[in-house]
N, C-alpha and C. Protein backbone atom coordinates (compact mmCIF):
# COMPACT_ATOMS: atom_id res chain seq x y z
N MET A 1 116.71 104.56 91.90
CA MET A 1 115.39 104.43 92.50
C MET A 1 115.37 105.10 93.88
N THR A 2 114.35 105.89 94.14
CA THR A 2 114.19 106.53 95.45
C THR A 2 113.47 105.58 96.40
N SER A 3 114.03 105.37 97.58
CA SER A 3 113.38 104.53 98.58
C SER A 3 112.93 105.40 99.75
N ILE A 4 111.99 104.88 100.53
CA ILE A 4 111.49 105.58 101.72
C ILE A 4 111.87 104.75 102.93
N GLU A 5 112.79 105.27 103.72
CA GLU A 5 113.25 104.55 104.90
C GLU A 5 112.21 104.58 106.01
N SER A 6 111.54 105.73 106.18
CA SER A 6 110.58 105.88 107.27
C SER A 6 109.71 107.11 107.03
N VAL A 7 108.69 107.25 107.85
CA VAL A 7 107.91 108.48 107.90
C VAL A 7 107.96 108.99 109.34
N THR A 8 107.95 110.30 109.48
CA THR A 8 107.95 110.92 110.79
C THR A 8 106.62 111.62 111.02
N LEU A 9 105.88 111.18 112.03
CA LEU A 9 104.63 111.81 112.41
C LEU A 9 104.92 112.94 113.39
N GLU A 10 104.33 114.09 113.15
CA GLU A 10 104.57 115.28 113.97
C GLU A 10 103.39 115.43 114.93
N VAL A 11 103.64 115.24 116.20
CA VAL A 11 102.57 115.07 117.18
C VAL A 11 102.74 116.02 118.36
N ASP A 12 101.66 116.20 119.12
CA ASP A 12 101.71 117.05 120.31
C ASP A 12 102.47 116.39 121.45
N ASP A 13 102.32 115.06 121.58
CA ASP A 13 102.89 114.33 122.71
C ASP A 13 103.65 113.11 122.19
N PRO A 14 104.96 113.25 121.92
CA PRO A 14 105.72 112.14 121.35
C PRO A 14 105.74 110.89 122.23
N ALA A 15 105.83 111.05 123.54
CA ALA A 15 105.90 109.88 124.42
C ALA A 15 104.63 109.05 124.31
N SER A 16 103.48 109.72 124.33
CA SER A 16 102.21 109.01 124.22
C SER A 16 102.07 108.33 122.85
N ALA A 17 102.51 109.04 121.80
CA ALA A 17 102.41 108.47 120.46
C ALA A 17 103.29 107.23 120.32
N ARG A 18 104.50 107.29 120.88
CA ARG A 18 105.38 106.11 120.82
C ARG A 18 104.75 104.92 121.54
N ARG A 19 104.15 105.19 122.71
CA ARG A 19 103.49 104.09 123.45
C ARG A 19 102.36 103.50 122.63
N PHE A 20 101.59 104.36 121.97
CA PHE A 20 100.48 103.86 121.16
C PHE A 20 100.98 102.98 120.02
N TYR A 21 101.95 103.46 119.25
CA TYR A 21 102.39 102.72 118.08
C TYR A 21 103.15 101.45 118.43
N THR A 22 103.85 101.47 119.54
CA THR A 22 104.52 100.25 119.98
C THR A 22 103.52 99.23 120.49
N GLY A 23 102.57 99.69 121.30
CA GLY A 23 101.60 98.77 121.90
C GLY A 23 100.55 98.27 120.93
N ALA A 24 100.00 99.16 120.10
CA ALA A 24 98.91 98.77 119.22
C ALA A 24 99.40 98.03 117.98
N PHE A 25 100.46 98.52 117.35
CA PHE A 25 100.89 97.98 116.07
C PHE A 25 102.25 97.30 116.11
N GLY A 26 103.02 97.51 117.17
CA GLY A 26 104.35 96.93 117.24
C GLY A 26 105.29 97.49 116.19
N LEU A 27 105.12 98.77 115.84
CA LEU A 27 105.92 99.36 114.77
C LEU A 27 107.33 99.69 115.24
N GLY A 28 108.27 99.54 114.33
CA GLY A 28 109.66 99.84 114.63
C GLY A 28 110.08 101.18 114.06
N ASP A 29 111.28 101.24 113.50
CA ASP A 29 111.87 102.50 113.07
C ASP A 29 111.26 103.07 111.79
N GLN A 30 110.40 102.32 111.10
CA GLN A 30 109.81 102.87 109.88
C GLN A 30 108.75 103.93 110.16
N VAL A 31 108.28 104.01 111.39
CA VAL A 31 107.36 105.08 111.80
C VAL A 31 107.96 105.77 113.01
N ARG A 32 108.34 107.04 112.84
CA ARG A 32 108.96 107.82 113.90
C ARG A 32 108.00 108.93 114.34
N VAL A 33 108.26 109.52 115.47
CA VAL A 33 107.45 110.65 115.94
C VAL A 33 108.38 111.75 116.45
N ARG A 34 107.89 112.97 116.36
CA ARG A 34 108.61 114.10 116.95
C ARG A 34 107.60 115.16 117.38
N ALA A 35 107.99 116.00 118.32
CA ALA A 35 107.11 117.05 118.82
C ALA A 35 106.90 118.11 117.74
N TRP A 36 105.64 118.51 117.58
CA TRP A 36 105.29 119.51 116.57
C TRP A 36 103.98 120.15 116.98
N ASP A 37 103.89 121.48 116.87
CA ASP A 37 102.65 122.13 117.29
C ASP A 37 102.08 123.03 116.20
N ALA A 38 102.45 122.81 114.93
CA ALA A 38 101.89 123.60 113.85
C ALA A 38 100.38 123.37 113.77
N PRO A 39 99.60 124.43 113.57
CA PRO A 39 98.13 124.28 113.51
C PRO A 39 97.69 123.32 112.41
N THR A 40 96.71 122.49 112.72
CA THR A 40 96.13 121.59 111.73
C THR A 40 94.68 121.34 112.11
N ALA A 41 93.82 121.16 111.11
CA ALA A 41 92.41 120.90 111.36
C ALA A 41 91.84 120.06 110.23
N GLY A 42 90.99 119.11 110.58
CA GLY A 42 90.34 118.28 109.57
C GLY A 42 91.27 117.27 108.94
N PHE A 43 90.94 116.88 107.71
CA PHE A 43 91.70 115.85 107.00
C PHE A 43 93.08 116.38 106.63
N ARG A 44 94.12 115.62 106.97
CA ARG A 44 95.49 116.06 106.72
C ARG A 44 96.01 115.64 105.34
N GLY A 45 95.18 114.97 104.57
CA GLY A 45 95.54 114.69 103.19
C GLY A 45 96.33 113.43 102.95
N PHE A 46 96.50 112.58 103.95
CA PHE A 46 97.23 111.33 103.77
C PHE A 46 96.70 110.28 104.72
N THR A 47 97.00 109.03 104.41
CA THR A 47 96.75 107.93 105.34
C THR A 47 97.95 106.99 105.29
N LEU A 48 98.07 106.18 106.31
CA LEU A 48 99.05 105.10 106.34
C LEU A 48 98.29 103.78 106.39
N SER A 49 98.77 102.78 105.67
CA SER A 49 98.12 101.48 105.63
C SER A 49 99.06 100.39 106.12
N LEU A 50 98.51 99.49 106.90
CA LEU A 50 99.22 98.28 107.30
C LEU A 50 98.61 97.12 106.53
N VAL A 51 99.43 96.46 105.72
CA VAL A 51 98.97 95.31 104.94
C VAL A 51 99.39 94.05 105.66
N VAL A 52 98.42 93.19 105.96
CA VAL A 52 98.68 91.95 106.68
C VAL A 52 98.14 90.78 105.85
N SER A 53 98.40 89.57 106.30
CA SER A 53 98.13 88.41 105.45
C SER A 53 96.71 87.88 105.53
N GLN A 54 95.97 88.20 106.61
CA GLN A 54 94.65 87.57 106.76
C GLN A 54 93.75 88.41 107.67
N PRO A 55 92.42 88.21 107.56
CA PRO A 55 91.47 88.97 108.37
C PRO A 55 91.71 88.87 109.87
N ALA A 56 92.17 87.72 110.35
CA ALA A 56 92.41 87.58 111.79
C ALA A 56 93.42 88.62 112.28
N ASP A 57 94.41 88.93 111.46
CA ASP A 57 95.41 89.93 111.83
C ASP A 57 94.82 91.34 111.78
N VAL A 58 93.94 91.59 110.81
CA VAL A 58 93.24 92.88 110.78
C VAL A 58 92.47 93.08 112.07
N ASN A 59 91.69 92.08 112.46
CA ASN A 59 90.89 92.18 113.68
C ASN A 59 91.76 92.40 114.91
N ALA A 60 92.89 91.70 114.98
CA ALA A 60 93.77 91.82 116.13
C ALA A 60 94.37 93.22 116.22
N LEU A 61 94.80 93.76 115.09
CA LEU A 61 95.42 95.09 115.09
C LEU A 61 94.40 96.20 115.32
N VAL A 62 93.24 96.08 114.69
CA VAL A 62 92.19 97.07 114.92
C VAL A 62 91.77 97.05 116.39
N GLY A 63 91.59 95.86 116.95
CA GLY A 63 91.20 95.75 118.35
C GLY A 63 92.24 96.33 119.28
N ALA A 64 93.53 96.07 119.01
CA ALA A 64 94.60 96.61 119.85
C ALA A 64 94.65 98.13 119.76
N ALA A 65 94.42 98.67 118.56
CA ALA A 65 94.44 100.12 118.38
C ALA A 65 93.30 100.79 119.14
N VAL A 66 92.12 100.22 119.05
CA VAL A 66 90.96 100.79 119.76
C VAL A 66 91.17 100.68 121.27
N ASP A 67 91.69 99.56 121.72
CA ASP A 67 91.97 99.40 123.15
C ASP A 67 92.99 100.43 123.64
N ALA A 68 93.89 100.86 122.75
CA ALA A 68 94.94 101.81 123.12
C ALA A 68 94.50 103.26 122.94
N GLY A 69 93.24 103.47 122.50
CA GLY A 69 92.72 104.83 122.43
C GLY A 69 92.37 105.35 121.05
N ALA A 70 92.51 104.52 119.99
CA ALA A 70 92.15 104.94 118.64
C ALA A 70 90.64 105.00 118.47
N ALA A 71 90.19 105.84 117.55
CA ALA A 71 88.77 105.92 117.20
C ALA A 71 88.52 105.10 115.94
N THR A 72 87.39 104.40 115.91
CA THR A 72 87.03 103.61 114.73
C THR A 72 86.35 104.50 113.70
N LEU A 73 86.93 104.60 112.51
CA LEU A 73 86.30 105.34 111.43
C LEU A 73 85.48 104.42 110.54
N LYS A 74 86.00 103.21 110.31
CA LYS A 74 85.26 102.18 109.58
C LYS A 74 85.55 100.84 110.24
N PRO A 75 84.54 100.15 110.77
CA PRO A 75 84.77 98.84 111.38
C PRO A 75 85.33 97.86 110.36
N ALA A 76 86.11 96.90 110.81
CA ALA A 76 86.67 95.89 109.93
C ALA A 76 85.54 95.10 109.27
N ALA A 77 85.62 94.94 107.95
CA ALA A 77 84.57 94.26 107.20
C ALA A 77 85.10 93.82 105.84
N LYS A 78 84.36 92.92 105.18
CA LYS A 78 84.71 92.50 103.83
C LYS A 78 84.39 93.63 102.85
N SER A 79 85.17 93.70 101.78
CA SER A 79 84.92 94.66 100.72
C SER A 79 85.27 94.01 99.39
N LEU A 80 85.12 94.78 98.31
CA LEU A 80 85.46 94.29 96.98
C LEU A 80 86.92 93.91 96.90
N TRP A 81 87.78 94.61 97.66
CA TRP A 81 89.21 94.44 97.55
C TRP A 81 89.78 93.45 98.56
N GLY A 82 89.01 93.06 99.56
CA GLY A 82 89.54 92.15 100.58
C GLY A 82 88.81 92.35 101.90
N TYR A 83 89.59 92.57 102.96
CA TYR A 83 89.02 92.73 104.29
C TYR A 83 89.84 93.82 104.99
N GLY A 84 89.15 94.76 105.64
CA GLY A 84 89.91 95.82 106.30
C GLY A 84 89.05 96.73 107.14
N GLY A 85 89.73 97.57 107.90
CA GLY A 85 89.09 98.57 108.74
C GLY A 85 89.95 99.82 108.79
N VAL A 86 89.39 100.90 109.33
CA VAL A 86 90.09 102.18 109.40
C VAL A 86 89.95 102.75 110.81
N VAL A 87 91.08 103.16 111.38
CA VAL A 87 91.09 103.77 112.71
C VAL A 87 91.87 105.07 112.65
N GLN A 88 91.58 105.94 113.61
CA GLN A 88 92.33 107.19 113.74
C GLN A 88 93.05 107.18 115.08
N ALA A 89 94.37 107.25 115.03
CA ALA A 89 95.19 107.21 116.23
C ALA A 89 94.94 108.45 117.09
N PRO A 90 95.28 108.40 118.37
CA PRO A 90 95.08 109.57 119.24
C PRO A 90 95.79 110.83 118.74
N ASP A 91 96.88 110.69 117.98
CA ASP A 91 97.57 111.87 117.46
C ASP A 91 96.91 112.43 116.20
N GLY A 92 95.86 111.76 115.70
CA GLY A 92 95.13 112.24 114.53
C GLY A 92 95.45 111.54 113.24
N THR A 93 96.49 110.72 113.19
CA THR A 93 96.85 110.00 111.97
C THR A 93 95.82 108.92 111.66
N ILE A 94 95.43 108.83 110.40
CA ILE A 94 94.45 107.83 109.97
C ILE A 94 95.19 106.61 109.42
N TRP A 95 94.78 105.43 109.91
CA TRP A 95 95.41 104.16 109.54
C TRP A 95 94.38 103.23 108.92
N GLN A 96 94.72 102.69 107.75
CA GLN A 96 93.94 101.61 107.15
C GLN A 96 94.67 100.30 107.43
N ILE A 97 93.93 99.27 107.78
CA ILE A 97 94.51 97.96 108.05
C ILE A 97 93.77 96.97 107.15
N ALA A 98 94.51 96.28 106.27
CA ALA A 98 93.86 95.50 105.22
C ALA A 98 94.55 94.18 104.97
N SER A 99 93.76 93.23 104.44
CA SER A 99 94.28 91.90 104.12
C SER A 99 93.44 91.29 103.00
N SER A 100 93.79 90.07 102.64
CA SER A 100 92.95 89.29 101.75
C SER A 100 91.70 88.82 102.51
N LYS A 101 90.84 88.07 101.85
CA LYS A 101 89.55 87.73 102.44
C LYS A 101 89.53 86.43 103.23
N LYS A 102 90.63 85.69 103.26
CA LYS A 102 90.58 84.35 103.84
C LYS A 102 91.63 84.16 104.93
N ASP A 103 91.19 83.61 106.07
CA ASP A 103 92.12 83.25 107.14
C ASP A 103 92.81 81.94 106.82
N THR A 104 94.10 81.89 107.12
CA THR A 104 94.86 80.66 106.91
C THR A 104 95.44 80.10 108.20
N GLY A 105 95.16 80.77 109.33
CA GLY A 105 95.69 80.33 110.61
C GLY A 105 95.40 81.35 111.68
N PRO A 106 95.91 81.15 112.88
CA PRO A 106 95.69 82.11 113.96
C PRO A 106 96.40 83.43 113.69
N ALA A 107 95.91 84.49 114.30
CA ALA A 107 96.48 85.82 114.12
C ALA A 107 97.91 85.87 114.64
N THR A 108 98.78 86.51 113.88
CA THR A 108 100.17 86.71 114.29
C THR A 108 100.50 88.17 114.50
N ARG A 109 99.66 89.07 113.98
CA ARG A 109 99.86 90.53 114.02
C ARG A 109 101.12 90.94 113.25
N ARG A 110 101.60 90.06 112.36
CA ARG A 110 102.77 90.42 111.55
C ARG A 110 102.35 91.36 110.43
N ILE A 111 103.11 92.44 110.27
CA ILE A 111 102.81 93.44 109.24
C ILE A 111 103.69 93.14 108.02
N ASP A 112 103.05 92.95 106.87
CA ASP A 112 103.79 92.64 105.65
C ASP A 112 104.30 93.89 104.95
N GLU A 113 103.50 94.93 104.93
CA GLU A 113 103.89 96.17 104.25
C GLU A 113 103.29 97.37 104.97
N ILE A 114 104.00 98.49 104.89
CA ILE A 114 103.45 99.79 105.30
C ILE A 114 103.34 100.62 104.02
N VAL A 115 102.16 101.16 103.77
CA VAL A 115 101.90 101.92 102.55
C VAL A 115 101.45 103.33 102.93
N LEU A 116 102.11 104.32 102.36
CA LEU A 116 101.74 105.72 102.54
C LEU A 116 100.91 106.15 101.33
N LEU A 117 99.69 106.60 101.58
CA LEU A 117 98.82 107.10 100.51
C LEU A 117 98.69 108.61 100.65
N LEU A 118 99.09 109.33 99.61
CA LEU A 118 98.98 110.78 99.59
C LEU A 118 97.76 111.19 98.80
N GLY A 119 96.92 112.03 99.37
CA GLY A 119 95.78 112.57 98.67
C GLY A 119 96.20 113.80 97.87
N VAL A 120 96.10 113.74 96.55
CA VAL A 120 96.63 114.80 95.70
C VAL A 120 95.52 115.49 94.92
N THR A 121 95.81 116.71 94.49
CA THR A 121 94.85 117.50 93.73
C THR A 121 94.94 117.21 92.24
N ASP A 122 96.15 117.14 91.72
CA ASP A 122 96.41 116.92 90.29
C ASP A 122 97.17 115.62 90.14
N MET A 123 96.47 114.53 89.82
CA MET A 123 97.11 113.23 89.76
C MET A 123 98.22 113.19 88.71
N ALA A 124 97.96 113.71 87.51
CA ALA A 124 98.96 113.66 86.45
C ALA A 124 100.20 114.47 86.84
N GLY A 125 99.99 115.65 87.42
CA GLY A 125 101.11 116.48 87.81
C GLY A 125 101.92 115.86 88.93
N SER A 126 101.26 115.28 89.92
CA SER A 126 101.97 114.65 91.03
C SER A 126 102.72 113.40 90.57
N LYS A 127 102.09 112.62 89.71
CA LYS A 127 102.74 111.43 89.16
C LYS A 127 104.02 111.83 88.43
N ARG A 128 103.93 112.85 87.59
CA ARG A 128 105.10 113.32 86.84
C ARG A 128 106.20 113.82 87.79
N PHE A 129 105.79 114.54 88.83
CA PHE A 129 106.75 115.06 89.81
C PHE A 129 107.54 113.93 90.46
N TYR A 130 106.85 112.89 90.89
CA TYR A 130 107.54 111.80 91.58
C TYR A 130 108.39 110.95 90.63
N VAL A 131 107.96 110.76 89.42
CA VAL A 131 108.79 110.06 88.44
C VAL A 131 110.08 110.84 88.22
N GLU A 132 109.98 112.17 88.12
CA GLU A 132 111.16 113.01 87.93
C GLU A 132 112.08 112.98 89.15
N HIS A 133 111.54 112.60 90.32
CA HIS A 133 112.35 112.51 91.53
C HIS A 133 112.79 111.07 91.83
N GLY A 134 112.76 110.23 90.82
CA GLY A 134 113.38 108.92 90.94
C GLY A 134 112.50 107.79 91.41
N LEU A 135 111.16 107.94 91.33
CA LEU A 135 110.26 106.87 91.73
C LEU A 135 109.56 106.30 90.51
N PRO A 136 109.97 105.12 90.05
CA PRO A 136 109.31 104.51 88.89
C PRO A 136 107.90 104.02 89.25
N VAL A 137 107.00 104.11 88.29
CA VAL A 137 105.63 103.67 88.50
C VAL A 137 105.55 102.15 88.50
N ALA A 138 104.91 101.59 89.53
CA ALA A 138 104.69 100.14 89.61
C ALA A 138 103.30 99.77 89.12
N LYS A 139 102.30 100.59 89.48
CA LYS A 139 100.92 100.37 89.06
C LYS A 139 100.28 101.73 88.80
N SER A 140 99.39 101.78 87.81
CA SER A 140 98.70 103.03 87.52
C SER A 140 97.31 102.73 86.99
N PHE A 141 96.32 103.39 87.57
CA PHE A 141 94.93 103.24 87.12
C PHE A 141 94.39 104.62 86.76
N GLY A 142 94.90 105.16 85.66
CA GLY A 142 94.45 106.44 85.16
C GLY A 142 94.62 107.56 86.16
N SER A 143 93.55 108.32 86.36
CA SER A 143 93.59 109.46 87.28
C SER A 143 93.13 109.08 88.69
N LYS A 144 92.95 107.76 88.95
CA LYS A 144 92.41 107.32 90.23
C LYS A 144 93.48 106.91 91.23
N TYR A 145 94.53 106.23 90.76
CA TYR A 145 95.49 105.65 91.70
C TYR A 145 96.81 105.40 90.99
N VAL A 146 97.90 105.73 91.67
CA VAL A 146 99.25 105.44 91.17
C VAL A 146 100.08 104.89 92.32
N GLU A 147 100.79 103.80 92.07
CA GLU A 147 101.68 103.22 93.08
C GLU A 147 103.10 103.19 92.51
N PHE A 148 104.07 103.57 93.34
CA PHE A 148 105.45 103.63 92.90
C PHE A 148 106.27 102.47 93.46
N ASP A 149 107.34 102.16 92.77
CA ASP A 149 108.28 101.13 93.23
C ASP A 149 109.34 101.81 94.08
N THR A 150 109.31 101.57 95.38
CA THR A 150 110.29 102.17 96.29
C THR A 150 111.33 101.15 96.75
N GLY A 151 111.30 99.95 96.19
CA GLY A 151 112.31 98.96 96.52
C GLY A 151 111.92 98.06 97.67
N PRO A 152 112.57 96.92 97.81
CA PRO A 152 112.24 95.95 98.87
C PRO A 152 112.54 96.50 100.25
N GLY A 153 111.64 96.22 101.20
CA GLY A 153 111.83 96.65 102.57
C GLY A 153 111.51 98.10 102.85
N SER A 154 111.14 98.84 101.82
CA SER A 154 110.86 100.26 101.95
C SER A 154 109.38 100.49 102.24
N VAL A 155 109.06 101.63 102.86
CA VAL A 155 107.67 102.06 102.93
C VAL A 155 107.21 102.31 101.50
N LYS A 156 106.05 101.78 101.14
CA LYS A 156 105.53 101.98 99.80
C LYS A 156 104.83 103.34 99.70
N LEU A 157 104.81 103.89 98.48
CA LEU A 157 104.17 105.18 98.24
C LEU A 157 103.13 105.04 97.15
N ALA A 158 101.95 105.60 97.38
CA ALA A 158 100.89 105.61 96.38
C ALA A 158 100.17 106.95 96.41
N LEU A 159 99.59 107.32 95.29
CA LEU A 159 98.82 108.55 95.17
C LEU A 159 97.36 108.22 94.94
N TYR A 160 96.49 109.01 95.54
CA TYR A 160 95.05 108.86 95.42
C TYR A 160 94.48 110.27 95.32
N LYS A 161 93.41 110.46 94.60
CA LYS A 161 92.78 111.78 94.60
C LYS A 161 92.34 112.12 96.03
N ARG A 162 92.56 113.37 96.44
CA ARG A 162 92.30 113.74 97.83
C ARG A 162 90.86 113.43 98.25
N ARG A 163 89.90 113.83 97.45
CA ARG A 163 88.50 113.58 97.82
C ARG A 163 88.20 112.08 97.87
N GLY A 164 88.75 111.34 96.94
CA GLY A 164 88.53 109.90 96.93
C GLY A 164 89.14 109.23 98.15
N LEU A 165 90.31 109.70 98.57
CA LEU A 165 90.97 109.11 99.74
C LEU A 165 90.16 109.41 101.00
N ALA A 166 89.67 110.63 101.12
CA ALA A 166 88.85 110.98 102.28
C ALA A 166 87.58 110.12 102.33
N LYS A 167 86.95 109.92 101.18
CA LYS A 167 85.76 109.08 101.13
C LYS A 167 86.08 107.64 101.50
N LEU A 168 87.25 107.16 101.03
CA LEU A 168 87.66 105.78 101.30
C LEU A 168 87.76 105.51 102.80
N VAL A 169 88.25 106.50 103.57
CA VAL A 169 88.45 106.28 105.00
C VAL A 169 87.31 106.85 105.85
N GLY A 170 86.31 107.45 105.22
CA GLY A 170 85.12 107.86 105.95
C GLY A 170 85.20 109.20 106.65
N VAL A 171 85.94 110.16 106.05
CA VAL A 171 86.03 111.49 106.66
C VAL A 171 85.73 112.55 105.60
N SER A 172 85.49 113.78 106.05
CA SER A 172 85.32 114.90 105.14
C SER A 172 86.66 115.24 104.50
N PRO A 173 86.68 115.63 103.23
CA PRO A 173 87.95 115.99 102.59
C PRO A 173 88.50 117.34 103.02
N ASP A 174 87.69 118.09 103.76
CA ASP A 174 88.11 119.43 104.17
C ASP A 174 89.19 119.37 105.24
N GLY A 175 90.17 120.24 105.12
CA GLY A 175 91.24 120.31 106.11
C GLY A 175 92.13 121.50 105.84
N THR A 176 92.72 122.04 106.88
CA THR A 176 93.61 123.18 106.74
C THR A 176 94.84 122.99 107.62
N GLY A 177 95.89 123.75 107.32
CA GLY A 177 97.08 123.75 108.16
C GLY A 177 98.07 122.67 107.78
N SER A 178 98.89 122.29 108.74
CA SER A 178 100.01 121.38 108.51
C SER A 178 99.54 119.95 108.22
N HIS A 179 100.27 119.26 107.33
CA HIS A 179 100.03 117.83 107.12
C HIS A 179 100.47 117.02 108.34
N ARG A 180 101.39 117.57 109.12
CA ARG A 180 101.91 116.94 110.34
C ARG A 180 102.65 115.62 110.08
N PHE A 181 103.41 115.53 108.99
CA PHE A 181 104.31 114.41 108.83
C PHE A 181 105.35 114.74 107.77
N THR A 182 106.47 113.99 107.83
CA THR A 182 107.57 114.14 106.88
C THR A 182 107.95 112.76 106.36
N ILE A 183 108.29 112.69 105.08
CA ILE A 183 108.73 111.45 104.44
C ILE A 183 110.25 111.44 104.43
N ASN A 184 110.85 110.37 104.92
CA ASN A 184 112.31 110.28 105.02
C ASN A 184 112.84 109.28 104.01
N GLY A 185 113.60 109.77 103.02
CA GLY A 185 114.11 108.89 101.98
C GLY A 185 115.53 109.21 101.60
N ASP A 186 115.97 108.62 100.49
CA ASP A 186 117.34 108.85 100.04
C ASP A 186 117.40 109.88 98.93
N SER A 187 116.32 110.67 98.81
CA SER A 187 116.29 111.77 97.86
C SER A 187 115.74 112.99 98.59
N GLY A 188 116.10 114.16 98.12
CA GLY A 188 115.58 115.35 98.79
C GLY A 188 116.68 116.11 99.49
N PRO A 189 116.33 117.08 100.33
CA PRO A 189 114.97 117.42 100.72
C PRO A 189 114.22 118.18 99.63
N PHE A 190 112.89 118.00 99.61
CA PHE A 190 112.04 118.73 98.69
C PHE A 190 110.61 118.69 99.21
N THR A 191 109.75 119.48 98.60
CA THR A 191 108.33 119.50 98.94
C THR A 191 107.55 119.28 97.66
N ASP A 192 106.56 118.39 97.69
CA ASP A 192 105.84 118.05 96.47
C ASP A 192 104.74 119.08 96.19
N PRO A 193 104.03 118.97 95.06
CA PRO A 193 103.03 119.98 94.68
C PRO A 193 101.90 120.15 95.68
N ASP A 194 101.63 119.15 96.54
CA ASP A 194 100.56 119.26 97.52
C ASP A 194 101.08 119.63 98.91
N GLY A 195 102.35 119.99 99.00
CA GLY A 195 102.92 120.44 100.27
C GLY A 195 103.44 119.36 101.18
N PHE A 196 103.55 118.11 100.66
CA PHE A 196 104.11 117.03 101.47
C PHE A 196 105.63 117.13 101.45
N ALA A 197 106.24 117.17 102.64
CA ALA A 197 107.67 117.42 102.75
C ALA A 197 108.47 116.13 102.83
N TRP A 198 109.60 116.13 102.15
CA TRP A 198 110.56 115.03 102.19
C TRP A 198 111.85 115.52 102.84
N ALA A 199 112.49 114.65 103.62
CA ALA A 199 113.79 114.92 104.21
C ALA A 199 114.70 113.74 103.91
N THR A 200 116.00 113.94 103.92
CA THR A 200 116.91 112.82 103.77
C THR A 200 116.90 112.01 105.07
N ALA A 201 117.14 110.70 104.92
CA ALA A 201 117.10 109.83 106.08
C ALA A 201 118.09 110.25 107.16
N SER A 202 119.25 110.78 106.75
CA SER A 202 120.26 111.19 107.73
C SER A 202 119.80 112.34 108.58
N GLU A 203 118.90 113.19 108.05
CA GLU A 203 118.39 114.33 108.80
C GLU A 203 117.51 113.89 109.97
N THR A 204 116.91 112.71 109.87
CA THR A 204 115.95 112.24 110.89
C THR A 204 116.49 111.05 111.69
N ALA A 205 117.76 110.75 111.53
CA ALA A 205 118.31 109.55 112.16
C ALA A 205 118.21 109.58 113.68
N SER A 206 118.20 110.75 114.29
CA SER A 206 118.19 110.84 115.75
C SER A 206 116.81 111.02 116.35
N LEU A 207 115.77 111.01 115.52
CA LEU A 207 114.42 111.25 116.03
C LEU A 207 113.93 110.07 116.89
């Protein structure tokens, strides 16, 4: 089974990005940053999600992110799937923050899971590619959504149609240039059919 140890965000200002992610989300080594100046414009084709246990935690994390300089793409609200909001970090990365619909206590800001959603062009082809690279399917909803089993404690990986993912987070699907991130796992290095790059965890250990 292929696991994902971390993701590396490629940003203009690593020091500022580290301050944002530490202060707003309290993220540790599963989200890394490094200096990168490859041209990019519009939607980068992916989002990261923080899954928490209750709406109070969603509100706390969204509020902390906005206070630290993030832009609100979708205010936190109830939906068919639960409760959540979408923000865009100062470095351009789009974050979804989601939970179930019911509060069970005061906010703790504890993050239960980090989920990487890749916006893909050919769902069947991308699904087949990742299965061949050691990621068993955990959930699949036809051509709409696929989630892989990356093992306990790992960043989770899911596929979504690119246009659908852009609509989900409230942005235009148009975008050009670099994706501005790398996936760090125990398989690779390789690049998937949509240009998302993977590196071995040892290659990024010093970032």
